[in-house]
């Protein structure tokens, strides 16, 4: 099946210089920010997403989420762990928190940063989540696409969305916090 891609003119560039990234969405995203307790530590979540109402594609939602961790959380839990181990631990909690089955996972690299690419399926539906997650500057940036069924990861819209992510600050790529 061939899926109709969004026209180039409709894509919206989201620049978040204070969070050190930019990414293109198929339309202007809505945003939300919240603080949550994670094992007794405060984590700030910032989310931007847009719904895909194009009936010619199984893509439902495009989103990017940042998770901002405190120095204390990282020092108490991950100070001597490698970036990959930190990402895998956080992603495991994400997967378990929303009842996902991992289909595949692989290491990736973007703009000099280590990342993990995942494909998950919801255990109770046909929906899938495609994600790329990166750690830098005491935050995780997770780019995700929610679909109504499994689709080719080489679809034009998926490639454009994931490839448009730019990680802007290379000054701190380690999990260890300096005192």
Protein backbone atom coordinates (compact mmCIF):
# COMPACT_ATOMS: atom_id res chain seq x y z
CA UNK A 1 0.00 0.00 0.00
CA UNK A 2 1.28 3.48 -0.87
CA UNK A 3 0.63 6.22 1.66
CA UNK A 4 0.21 9.86 0.68
CA UNK A 5 2.85 12.06 2.30
CA UNK A 6 2.23 15.53 3.73
CA UNK A 7 3.11 18.27 1.30
CA UNK A 8 6.45 19.98 1.92
CA UNK A 9 4.73 23.34 2.42
CA UNK A 10 2.71 22.17 5.43
CA UNK A 11 5.62 21.10 7.62
CA UNK A 12 6.30 23.29 10.66
CA UNK A 13 9.78 23.66 12.21
CA UNK A 14 9.78 23.62 16.00
CA UNK A 15 12.92 25.32 17.37
CA UNK A 16 13.60 24.79 21.06
CA UNK A 17 16.98 26.43 21.56
CA UNK A 18 16.64 26.39 25.35
CA UNK A 19 16.23 22.58 25.15
CA UNK A 20 18.86 22.27 22.40
CA UNK A 21 16.83 20.73 19.59
CA UNK A 22 14.77 21.45 16.51
CA UNK A 23 12.43 19.17 14.57
CA UNK A 24 9.89 19.41 11.75
CA UNK A 25 6.24 18.44 12.28
CA UNK A 26 3.63 17.93 9.55
CA UNK A 27 1.62 20.77 11.15
CA UNK A 28 2.03 23.12 14.10
CA UNK A 29 2.19 20.99 17.26
CA UNK A 30 0.40 21.55 20.54
CA UNK A 31 2.56 21.56 23.65
CA UNK A 32 2.28 20.58 27.27
CA UNK A 33 4.65 20.58 30.23
CA UNK A 34 4.27 18.73 33.50
CA UNK A 35 6.31 17.70 36.50
CA UNK A 36 6.14 14.15 37.78
CA UNK A 37 7.60 12.21 40.65
CA UNK A 38 9.96 9.46 39.54
CA UNK A 39 11.15 7.32 42.45
CA UNK A 40 11.01 10.33 44.79
CA UNK A 41 12.68 12.75 42.34
CA UNK A 42 11.06 15.47 40.27
CA UNK A 43 11.27 15.05 36.49
CA UNK A 44 10.01 17.71 34.10
CA UNK A 45 8.30 16.43 30.95
CA UNK A 46 7.81 18.70 27.94
CA UNK A 47 5.76 17.35 25.05
CA UNK A 48 4.90 18.59 21.57
CA UNK A 49 2.58 16.61 19.31
CA UNK A 50 0.41 16.81 16.28
CA UNK A 51 -2.35 14.47 15.18
CA UNK A 52 -2.37 13.06 11.67
CA UNK A 53 -5.90 13.18 10.30
CA UNK A 54 -4.84 11.89 6.87
CA UNK A 55 -6.90 8.74 6.32
CA UNK A 56 -4.43 7.51 3.69
CA UNK A 57 -1.79 6.68 6.31
CA UNK A 58 -1.83 4.63 9.54
CA UNK A 59 0.19 7.33 11.34
CA UNK A 60 -1.88 8.73 14.21
CA UNK A 61 0.45 11.00 16.23
CA UNK A 62 3.85 12.62 15.78
CA UNK A 63 5.48 13.73 19.03
CA UNK A 64 8.67 14.70 20.77
CA UNK A 65 9.07 14.47 24.54
CA UNK A 66 11.90 15.78 26.68
CA UNK A 67 12.53 14.39 30.16
CA UNK A 68 14.62 16.78 32.29
CA UNK A 69 16.34 15.07 35.26
CA UNK A 70 17.78 16.72 38.35
CA UNK A 71 21.46 16.41 39.23
CA UNK A 72 20.42 14.60 42.42
CA UNK A 73 18.41 11.97 40.48
CA UNK A 74 21.30 11.25 38.13
CA UNK A 75 23.93 11.26 40.91
CA UNK A 76 21.88 8.97 43.17
CA UNK A 77 20.87 6.49 40.46
CA UNK A 78 23.16 6.60 37.42
CA UNK A 79 26.41 8.38 38.26
CA UNK A 80 28.70 5.53 37.27
CA UNK A 81 26.60 4.07 34.47
CA UNK A 82 27.15 4.48 30.76
CA UNK A 83 24.75 6.54 28.65
CA UNK A 84 23.41 3.40 26.91
CA UNK A 85 22.65 1.74 30.27
CA UNK A 86 20.86 4.89 31.48
CA UNK A 87 18.72 5.09 28.32
CA UNK A 88 17.82 1.39 28.45
CA UNK A 89 16.79 1.67 32.09
CA UNK A 90 14.53 4.67 31.45
CA UNK A 91 13.03 3.07 28.32
CA UNK A 92 12.30 -0.14 30.24
CA UNK A 93 10.21 1.86 32.70
CA UNK A 94 8.43 3.59 29.81
CA UNK A 95 7.64 0.23 28.18
CA UNK A 96 6.32 -1.31 31.40
CA UNK A 97 4.36 1.81 32.31
CA UNK A 98 2.13 1.63 29.24
CA UNK A 99 2.01 -2.14 28.59
CA UNK A 100 4.19 -2.40 25.49
CA UNK A 101 5.85 -5.39 23.88
CA UNK A 102 9.25 -4.59 22.41
CA UNK A 103 9.56 -5.84 18.83
CA UNK A 104 13.04 -4.53 18.10
CA UNK A 105 15.68 -2.26 19.55
CA UNK A 106 18.98 -1.00 18.16
CA UNK A 107 21.64 1.55 18.94
CA UNK A 108 21.73 4.62 16.72
CA UNK A 109 23.73 7.84 16.53
CA UNK A 110 22.51 11.34 15.71
CA UNK A 111 24.63 14.50 15.54
CA UNK A 112 27.33 12.78 17.62
CA UNK A 113 24.94 11.50 20.31
CA UNK A 114 24.29 7.86 21.21
CA UNK A 115 20.66 6.85 20.96
CA UNK A 116 18.33 3.87 20.97
CA UNK A 117 15.71 3.18 18.33
CA UNK A 118 12.71 1.08 19.33
CA UNK A 119 9.66 -0.46 17.76
CA UNK A 120 6.96 -1.39 20.26
CA UNK A 121 3.49 -2.86 19.94
CA UNK A 122 0.73 -2.25 22.45
CA UNK A 123 -0.16 -5.60 24.01
CA UNK A 124 -3.91 -4.93 23.82
CA UNK A 125 -4.21 -3.38 20.32
CA UNK A 126 -2.67 -3.20 16.84
CA UNK A 127 -1.10 0.19 17.57
CA UNK A 128 2.67 0.54 17.33
CA UNK A 129 5.15 3.10 18.61
CA UNK A 130 8.30 3.90 16.68
CA UNK A 131 10.78 5.92 18.75
CA UNK A 132 14.27 7.30 18.81
CA UNK A 133 15.68 8.36 22.20
CA UNK A 134 18.83 10.34 22.96
CA UNK A 135 20.47 11.43 26.22
CA UNK A 136 22.38 14.69 26.64
CA UNK A 137 22.48 17.70 28.99
CA UNK A 138 20.70 15.76 31.77
CA UNK A 139 17.68 15.11 29.60
CA UNK A 140 16.30 12.47 27.32
CA UNK A 141 14.79 13.54 24.03
CA UNK A 142 12.38 10.95 22.65
CA UNK A 143 10.92 11.31 19.16
CA UNK A 144 7.92 9.03 18.60
CA UNK A 145 5.32 8.16 16.02
CA UNK A 146 2.18 6.29 17.05
CA UNK A 147 0.56 4.22 14.30
CA UNK A 148 -2.63 2.19 13.98
CA UNK A 149 -0.68 -0.75 12.51
CA UNK A 150 2.87 -1.78 11.71
CA UNK A 151 4.22 0.22 8.76
CA UNK A 152 7.41 0.54 6.78
CA UNK A 153 9.87 2.71 8.68
CA UNK A 154 11.04 4.04 5.32
CA UNK A 155 7.71 5.80 4.65
CA UNK A 156 8.29 9.38 3.51
CA UNK A 157 6.61 11.04 6.50
CA UNK A 158 8.39 8.84 9.06
CA UNK A 159 11.78 9.44 7.47
CA UNK A 160 11.18 13.19 7.21
CA UNK A 161 10.08 13.45 10.84
CA UNK A 162 12.91 11.39 12.35
CA UNK A 163 15.58 12.81 10.02
CA UNK A 164 14.56 16.41 10.76
CA UNK A 165 15.62 16.18 14.43
CA UNK A 166 18.68 18.31 15.13
CA UNK A 167 20.45 18.02 18.49
CA UNK A 168 22.09 21.38 18.96
CA UNK A 169 24.45 21.27 21.97
CA UNK A 170 27.32 18.82 22.12
CA UNK A 171 28.79 20.17 25.37
CA UNK A 172 27.54 17.45 27.77
CA UNK A 173 27.02 13.92 26.52
CA UNK A 174 27.84 12.04 29.71
CA UNK A 175 25.54 10.80 32.42
CA UNK A 176 28.00 11.67 35.19
CA UNK A 177 27.25 14.96 36.92
CA UNK A 178 30.15 17.20 37.90
CA UNK A 179 30.06 18.58 41.47
